Amino acid sequence: MQPDFHPASKDQPDRRQEQRHEVERPCRVLPANAPEVEFAATTGNISRSGMLLHFPRNGSNAGLPRQGDYARILVELPAAAGREPRLLECTGRILRATDSPEGAPALAVEVHGMKFLDKRESARAGKRAEGYSVQ
Protein backbone atom coordinates (compact mmCIF):
# COMPACT_ATOMS: atom_id res chain seq x y z
CA MET A 1 0.00 0.00 0.00
CA GLN A 2 1.31 3.44 -0.87
CA PRO A 3 2.06 5.91 1.94
CA ASP A 4 -0.43 8.66 2.67
CA PHE A 5 0.74 12.08 1.46
CA HIS A 6 -0.56 14.46 4.03
CA PRO A 7 -0.47 18.25 3.69
CA ALA A 8 -0.27 18.80 7.44
CA SER A 9 3.09 19.51 8.99
CA LYS A 10 4.22 20.94 12.29
CA ASP A 11 3.41 24.41 10.94
CA GLN A 12 0.18 23.49 9.16
CA PRO A 13 -2.79 21.84 10.91
CA ASP A 14 -4.68 18.89 9.48
CA ARG A 15 -7.80 20.35 7.80
CA ARG A 16 -9.44 17.08 6.80
CA GLN A 17 -13.13 16.95 7.56
CA GLU A 18 -13.71 13.23 6.99
CA GLN A 19 -11.81 10.11 7.93
CA ARG A 20 -9.81 8.74 5.00
CA HIS A 21 -9.97 5.04 4.23
CA GLU A 22 -7.06 3.22 2.61
CA VAL A 23 -8.63 2.01 -0.63
CA GLU A 24 -6.63 1.00 -3.68
CA ARG A 25 -8.85 0.94 -6.75
CA PRO A 26 -8.06 1.59 -10.41
CA CYS A 27 -9.47 4.85 -11.69
CA ARG A 28 -9.37 7.28 -14.57
CA VAL A 29 -8.84 11.01 -14.27
CA LEU A 30 -10.52 13.24 -16.84
CA PRO A 31 -9.29 16.86 -16.59
CA ALA A 32 -12.07 19.41 -17.09
CA ASN A 33 -9.82 21.67 -19.17
CA ALA A 34 -8.80 18.85 -21.56
CA PRO A 35 -11.85 16.65 -22.25
CA GLU A 36 -10.00 14.58 -24.84
CA VAL A 37 -7.35 13.46 -22.32
CA GLU A 38 -7.61 10.70 -19.74
CA PHE A 39 -5.07 9.38 -17.22
CA ALA A 40 -4.92 5.98 -15.50
CA ALA A 41 -4.36 6.14 -11.74
CA THR A 42 -4.98 4.26 -8.49
CA THR A 43 -6.70 5.62 -5.41
CA GLY A 44 -4.50 5.66 -2.32
CA ASN A 45 -7.16 6.75 0.11
CA ILE A 46 -10.66 8.13 -0.15
CA SER A 47 -13.33 9.84 1.96
CA ARG A 48 -16.55 11.71 1.23
CA SER A 49 -14.65 14.97 0.91
CA GLY A 50 -11.37 13.97 -0.72
CA MET A 51 -9.07 11.40 -2.21
CA LEU A 52 -5.44 10.79 -3.00
CA LEU A 53 -4.56 9.52 -6.48
CA HIS A 54 -1.31 7.81 -7.48
CA PHE A 55 -0.11 7.76 -11.08
CA PRO A 56 2.39 5.38 -12.72
CA ARG A 57 5.96 6.59 -12.39
CA ASN A 58 6.85 5.65 -15.94
CA GLY A 59 3.54 6.63 -17.51
CA SER A 60 2.91 9.56 -19.79
CA ASN A 61 1.83 12.07 -17.18
CA ALA A 62 2.41 15.21 -19.23
CA GLY A 63 -0.70 17.33 -18.93
CA LEU A 64 -1.83 16.01 -15.54
CA PRO A 65 -4.20 18.43 -13.81
CA ARG A 66 -2.47 20.97 -11.60
CA GLN A 67 -3.39 22.63 -8.34
CA GLY A 68 -6.68 24.48 -8.75
CA ASP A 69 -7.79 22.51 -11.83
CA TYR A 70 -11.06 20.59 -11.87
CA ALA A 71 -11.40 16.95 -12.88
CA ARG A 72 -13.77 14.04 -13.10
CA ILE A 73 -12.53 10.80 -11.53
CA LEU A 74 -14.07 7.43 -12.43
CA VAL A 75 -13.24 4.84 -9.76
CA GLU A 76 -13.77 1.18 -10.65
CA LEU A 77 -15.72 -0.65 -7.95
CA PRO A 78 -15.67 -4.42 -7.44
CA ALA A 79 -18.73 -6.23 -8.75
CA ALA A 80 -21.09 -7.82 -6.28
CA ALA A 81 -21.92 -11.49 -6.88
CA GLY A 82 -24.22 -11.78 -9.88
CA ARG A 83 -24.10 -8.06 -10.69
CA GLU A 84 -22.23 -5.94 -13.19
CA PRO A 85 -19.39 -3.71 -12.00
CA ARG A 86 -20.16 -0.08 -11.23
CA LEU A 87 -18.19 3.13 -11.24
CA LEU A 88 -17.99 5.82 -8.58
CA GLU A 89 -17.96 9.12 -10.47
CA CYS A 90 -16.38 11.94 -8.46
CA THR A 91 -15.97 15.55 -9.46
CA GLY A 92 -13.60 17.84 -7.68
CA ARG A 93 -10.70 20.26 -7.57
CA ILE A 94 -7.02 19.43 -7.33
CA LEU A 95 -5.71 20.68 -3.99
CA ARG A 96 -2.13 19.53 -4.30
CA ALA A 97 0.17 17.87 -6.80
CA THR A 98 3.23 16.11 -5.44
CA ASP A 99 5.48 13.09 -5.98
CA SER A 100 5.48 9.90 -3.94
CA PRO A 101 8.72 8.76 -2.28
CA GLU A 102 9.19 6.51 -5.33
CA GLY A 103 9.03 9.55 -7.61
CA ALA A 104 5.56 8.85 -9.04
CA PRO A 105 3.08 11.73 -9.38
CA ALA A 106 0.26 11.99 -6.85
CA LEU A 107 -2.74 14.33 -6.66
CA ALA A 108 -4.83 15.28 -3.64
CA VAL A 109 -8.41 15.99 -4.73
CA GLU A 110 -11.16 17.86 -2.91
CA VAL A 111 -14.36 16.01 -3.82
CA HIS A 112 -17.34 18.23 -4.65
CA GLY A 113 -19.74 15.52 -5.76
CA MET A 114 -20.03 11.81 -6.26
CA LYS A 115 -22.49 9.33 -7.66
CA PHE A 116 -22.61 5.69 -8.65
CA LEU A 117 -22.89 4.71 -12.31
CA ASP A 118 -23.91 1.34 -13.68
CA LYS A 119 -22.72 0.22 -17.11
CA ARG A 120 -25.68 1.79 -18.94
CA GLU A 121 -25.30 5.13 -17.15
CA SER A 122 -21.56 5.22 -17.67
CA ALA A 123 -22.06 4.69 -21.42
CA ARG A 124 -24.45 7.66 -21.50
CA ALA A 125 -21.97 9.76 -19.52
CA GLY A 126 -19.50 9.65 -22.38
CA LYS A 127 -17.45 7.44 -24.60
CA ARG A 128 -14.48 7.41 -22.22
CA ALA A 129 -16.63 6.00 -19.38
CA GLU A 130 -17.75 2.88 -21.27
CA GLY A 131 -14.95 0.45 -20.43
CA TYR A 132 -14.09 -0.53 -16.92
CA SER A 133 -10.56 -1.81 -17.36
CA VAL A 134 -7.74 0.61 -16.61
CA GLN A 135 -4.33 -0.55 -17.80
C-alpha atoms as a PDB file:
ATOM      1  CA  MET A   1       0.000   0.000   0.000  1.00  0.00           C
ATOM      2  CA  GLN A   2       1.312   3.444  -0.872  1.00  0.00           C
ATOM      3  CA  PRO A   3       2.055   5.905   1.939  1.00  0.00           C
ATOM      4  CA  ASP A   4      -0.425   8.657   2.667  1.00  0.00           C
ATOM      5  CA  PHE A   5       0.738  12.075   1.465  1.00  0.00           C
ATOM      6  CA  HIS A   6      -0.557  14.457   4.026  1.00  0.00           C
ATOM      7  CA  PRO A   7      -0.471  18.250   3.689  1.00  0.00           C
ATOM      8  CA  ALA A   8      -0.268  18.804   7.436  1.00  0.00           C
ATOM      9  CA  SER A   9       3.092  19.511   8.985  1.00  0.00           C
ATOM     10  CA  LYS A  10       4.216  20.941  12.286  1.00  0.00           C
ATOM     11  CA  ASP A  11       3.411  24.415  10.941  1.00  0.00           C
ATOM     12  CA  GLN A  12       0.184  23.485   9.160  1.00  0.00           C
ATOM     13  CA  PRO A  13      -2.792  21.840  10.910  1.00  0.00           C
ATOM     14  CA  ASP A  14      -4.684  18.890   9.482  1.00  0.00           C
ATOM     15  CA  ARG A  15      -7.801  20.348   7.803  1.00  0.00           C
ATOM     16  CA  ARG A  16      -9.438  17.084   6.800  1.00  0.00           C
ATOM     17  CA  GLN A  17     -13.126  16.951   7.557  1.00  0.00           C
ATOM     18  CA  GLU A  18     -13.708  13.230   6.993  1.00  0.00           C
ATOM     19  CA  GLN A  19     -11.809  10.109   7.928  1.00  0.00           C
ATOM     20  CA  ARG A  20      -9.812   8.739   5.002  1.00  0.00           C
ATOM     21  CA  HIS A  21      -9.969   5.041   4.229  1.00  0.00           C
ATOM     22  CA  GLU A  22      -7.058   3.221   2.614  1.00  0.00           C
ATOM     23  CA  VAL A  23      -8.628   2.013  -0.630  1.00  0.00           C
ATOM     24  CA  GLU A  24      -6.625   1.004  -3.679  1.00  0.00           C
ATOM     25  CA  ARG A  25      -8.853   0.937  -6.754  1.00  0.00           C
ATOM     26  CA  PRO A  26      -8.065   1.593 -10.415  1.00  0.00           C
ATOM     27  CA  CYS A  27      -9.475   4.846 -11.691  1.00  0.00           C
ATOM     28  CA  ARG A  28      -9.372   7.285 -14.574  1.00  0.00           C
ATOM     29  CA  VAL A  29      -8.837  11.011 -14.274  1.00  0.00           C
ATOM     30  CA  LEU A  30     -10.521  13.243 -16.843  1.00  0.00           C
ATOM     31  CA  PRO A  31      -9.290  16.858 -16.587  1.00  0.00           C
ATOM     32  CA  ALA A  32     -12.073  19.411 -17.087  1.00  0.00           C
ATOM     33  CA  ASN A  33      -9.823  21.667 -19.170  1.00  0.00           C
ATOM     34  CA  ALA A  34      -8.804  18.854 -21.561  1.00  0.00           C
ATOM     35  CA  PRO A  35     -11.849  16.651 -22.248  1.00  0.00           C
ATOM     36  CA  GLU A  36     -10.003  14.582 -24.844  1.00  0.00           C
ATOM     37  CA  VAL A  37      -7.350  13.464 -22.320  1.00  0.00           C
ATOM     38  CA  GLU A  38      -7.610  10.696 -19.735  1.00  0.00           C
ATOM     39  CA  PHE A  39      -5.067   9.378 -17.215  1.00  0.00           C
ATOM     40  CA  ALA A  40      -4.925   5.980 -15.497  1.00  0.00           C
ATOM     41  CA  ALA A  41      -4.362   6.144 -11.744  1.00  0.00           C
ATOM     42  CA  THR A  42      -4.981   4.264  -8.491  1.00  0.00           C
ATOM     43  CA  THR A  43      -6.704   5.617  -5.414  1.00  0.00           C
ATOM     44  CA  GLY A  44      -4.498   5.664  -2.321  1.00  0.00           C
ATOM     45  CA  ASN A  45      -7.163   6.755   0.109  1.00  0.00           C
ATOM     46  CA  ILE A  46     -10.658   8.135  -0.149  1.00  0.00           C
ATOM     47  CA  SER A  47     -13.327   9.844   1.956  1.00  0.00           C
ATOM     48  CA  ARG A  48     -16.552  11.706   1.235  1.00  0.00           C
ATOM     49  CA  SER A  49     -14.651  14.965   0.914  1.00  0.00           C
ATOM     50  CA  GLY A  50     -11.368  13.973  -0.719  1.00  0.00           C
ATOM     51  CA  MET A  51      -9.065  11.397  -2.207  1.00  0.00           C
ATOM     52  CA  LEU A  52      -5.437  10.787  -3.004  1.00  0.00           C
ATOM     53  CA  LEU A  53      -4.558   9.522  -6.481  1.00  0.00           C
ATOM     54  CA  HIS A  54      -1.309   7.806  -7.483  1.00  0.00           C
ATOM     55  CA  PHE A  55      -0.110   7.759 -11.084  1.00  0.00           C
ATOM     56  CA  PRO A  56       2.388   5.375 -12.722  1.00  0.00           C
ATOM     57  CA  ARG A  57       5.958   6.592 -12.393  1.00  0.00           C
ATOM     58  CA  ASN A  58       6.853   5.647 -15.941  1.00  0.00           C
ATOM     59  CA  GLY A  59       3.537   6.631 -17.506  1.00  0.00           C
ATOM     60  CA  SER A  60       2.909   9.555 -19.789  1.00  0.00           C
ATOM     61  CA  ASN A  61       1.829  12.075 -17.175  1.00  0.00           C
ATOM     62  CA  ALA A  62       2.413  15.214 -19.228  1.00  0.00           C
ATOM     63  CA  GLY A  63      -0.702  17.329 -18.931  1.00  0.00           C
ATOM     64  CA  LEU A  64      -1.829  16.014 -15.540  1.00  0.00           C
ATOM     65  CA  PRO A  65      -4.203  18.426 -13.814  1.00  0.00           C
ATOM     66  CA  ARG A  66      -2.468  20.975 -11.598  1.00  0.00           C
ATOM     67  CA  GLN A  67      -3.393  22.629  -8.336  1.00  0.00           C
ATOM     68  CA  GLY A  68      -6.684  24.484  -8.754  1.00  0.00           C
ATOM     69  CA  ASP A  69      -7.787  22.514 -11.831  1.00  0.00           C
ATOM     70  CA  TYR A  70     -11.061  20.589 -11.874  1.00  0.00           C
ATOM     71  CA  ALA A  71     -11.398  16.955 -12.881  1.00  0.00           C
ATOM     72  CA  ARG A  72     -13.771  14.043 -13.096  1.00  0.00           C
ATOM     73  CA  ILE A  73     -12.535  10.798 -11.526  1.00  0.00           C
ATOM     74  CA  LEU A  74     -14.069   7.431 -12.434  1.00  0.00           C
ATOM     75  CA  VAL A  75     -13.239   4.838  -9.762  1.00  0.00           C
ATOM     76  CA  GLU A  76     -13.775   1.183 -10.646  1.00  0.00           C
ATOM     77  CA  LEU A  77     -15.716  -0.654  -7.950  1.00  0.00           C
ATOM     78  CA  PRO A  78     -15.666  -4.424  -7.437  1.00  0.00           C
ATOM     79  CA  ALA A  79     -18.726  -6.229  -8.751  1.00  0.00           C
ATOM     80  CA  ALA A  80     -21.087  -7.821  -6.276  1.00  0.00           C
ATOM     81  CA  ALA A  81     -21.924 -11.487  -6.882  1.00  0.00           C
ATOM     82  CA  GLY A  82     -24.224 -11.784  -9.881  1.00  0.00           C
ATOM     83  CA  ARG A  83     -24.103  -8.063 -10.689  1.00  0.00           C
ATOM     84  CA  GLU A  84     -22.234  -5.940 -13.185  1.00  0.00           C
ATOM     85  CA  PRO A  85     -19.394  -3.707 -12.005  1.00  0.00           C
ATOM     86  CA  ARG A  86     -20.164  -0.082 -11.228  1.00  0.00           C
ATOM     87  CA  LEU A  87     -18.189   3.131 -11.235  1.00  0.00           C
ATOM     88  CA  LEU A  88     -17.986   5.817  -8.582  1.00  0.00           C
ATOM     89  CA  GLU A  89     -17.958   9.116 -10.467  1.00  0.00           C
ATOM     90  CA  CYS A  90     -16.377  11.935  -8.460  1.00  0.00           C
ATOM     91  CA  THR A  91     -15.969  15.551  -9.465  1.00  0.00           C
ATOM     92  CA  GLY A  92     -13.597  17.839  -7.679  1.00  0.00           C
ATOM     93  CA  ARG A  93     -10.701  20.261  -7.569  1.00  0.00           C
ATOM     94  CA  ILE A  94      -7.018  19.428  -7.326  1.00  0.00           C
ATOM     95  CA  LEU A  95      -5.706  20.683  -3.995  1.00  0.00           C
ATOM     96  CA  ARG A  96      -2.129  19.530  -4.297  1.00  0.00           C
ATOM     97  CA  ALA A  97       0.173  17.867  -6.803  1.00  0.00           C
ATOM     98  CA  THR A  98       3.234  16.113  -5.442  1.00  0.00           C
ATOM     99  CA  ASP A  99       5.478  13.094  -5.976  1.00  0.00           C
ATOM    100  CA  SER A 100       5.479   9.901  -3.937  1.00  0.00           C
ATOM    101  CA  PRO A 101       8.721   8.760  -2.278  1.00  0.00           C
ATOM    102  CA  GLU A 102       9.193   6.512  -5.329  1.00  0.00           C
ATOM    103  CA  GLY A 103       9.025   9.553  -7.615  1.00  0.00           C
ATOM    104  CA  ALA A 104       5.562   8.846  -9.039  1.00  0.00           C
ATOM    105  CA  PRO A 105       3.085  11.733  -9.378  1.00  0.00           C
ATOM    106  CA  ALA A 106       0.262  11.994  -6.849  1.00  0.00           C
ATOM    107  CA  LEU A 107      -2.740  14.335  -6.661  1.00  0.00           C
ATOM    108  CA  ALA A 108      -4.831  15.278  -3.639  1.00  0.00           C
ATOM    109  CA  VAL A 109      -8.414  15.987  -4.729  1.00  0.00           C
ATOM    110  CA  GLU A 110     -11.163  17.860  -2.909  1.00  0.00           C
ATOM    111  CA  VAL A 111     -14.360  16.008  -3.822  1.00  0.00           C
ATOM    112  CA  HIS A 112     -17.337  18.234  -4.646  1.00  0.00           C
ATOM    113  CA  GLY A 113     -19.745  15.525  -5.764  1.00  0.00           C
ATOM    114  CA  MET A 114     -20.028  11.810  -6.259  1.00  0.00           C
ATOM    115  CA  LYS A 115     -22.490   9.328  -7.656  1.00  0.00           C
ATOM    116  CA  PHE A 116     -22.608   5.687  -8.650  1.00  0.00           C
ATOM    117  CA  LEU A 117     -22.893   4.714 -12.313  1.00  0.00           C
ATOM    118  CA  ASP A 118     -23.908   1.338 -13.685  1.00  0.00           C
ATOM    119  CA  LYS A 119     -22.721   0.221 -17.107  1.00  0.00           C
ATOM    120  CA  ARG A 120     -25.682   1.795 -18.943  1.00  0.00           C
ATOM    121  CA  GLU A 121     -25.302   5.134 -17.146  1.00  0.00           C
ATOM    122  CA  SER A 122     -21.556   5.219 -17.673  1.00  0.00           C
ATOM    123  CA  ALA A 123     -22.059   4.693 -21.419  1.00  0.00           C
ATOM    124  CA  ARG A 124     -24.445   7.657 -21.502  1.00  0.00           C
ATOM    125  CA  ALA A 125     -21.972   9.763 -19.515  1.00  0.00           C
ATOM    126  CA  GLY A 126     -19.495   9.646 -22.377  1.00  0.00           C
ATOM    127  CA  LYS A 127     -17.455   7.440 -24.600  1.00  0.00           C
ATOM    128  CA  ARG A 128     -14.481   7.413 -22.219  1.00  0.00           C
ATOM    129  CA  ALA A 129     -16.627   6.005 -19.379  1.00  0.00           C
ATOM    130  CA  GLU A 130     -17.754   2.882 -21.267  1.00  0.00           C
ATOM    131  CA  GLY A 131     -14.948   0.446 -20.435  1.00  0.00           C
ATOM    132  CA  TYR A 132     -14.090  -0.532 -16.919  1.00  0.00           C
ATOM    133  CA  SER A 133     -10.565  -1.807 -17.360  1.00  0.00           C
ATOM    134  CA  VAL A 134      -7.739   0.610 -16.609  1.00  0.00           C
ATOM    135  CA  GLN A 135      -4.331  -0.555 -17.804  1.00  0.00           C
END
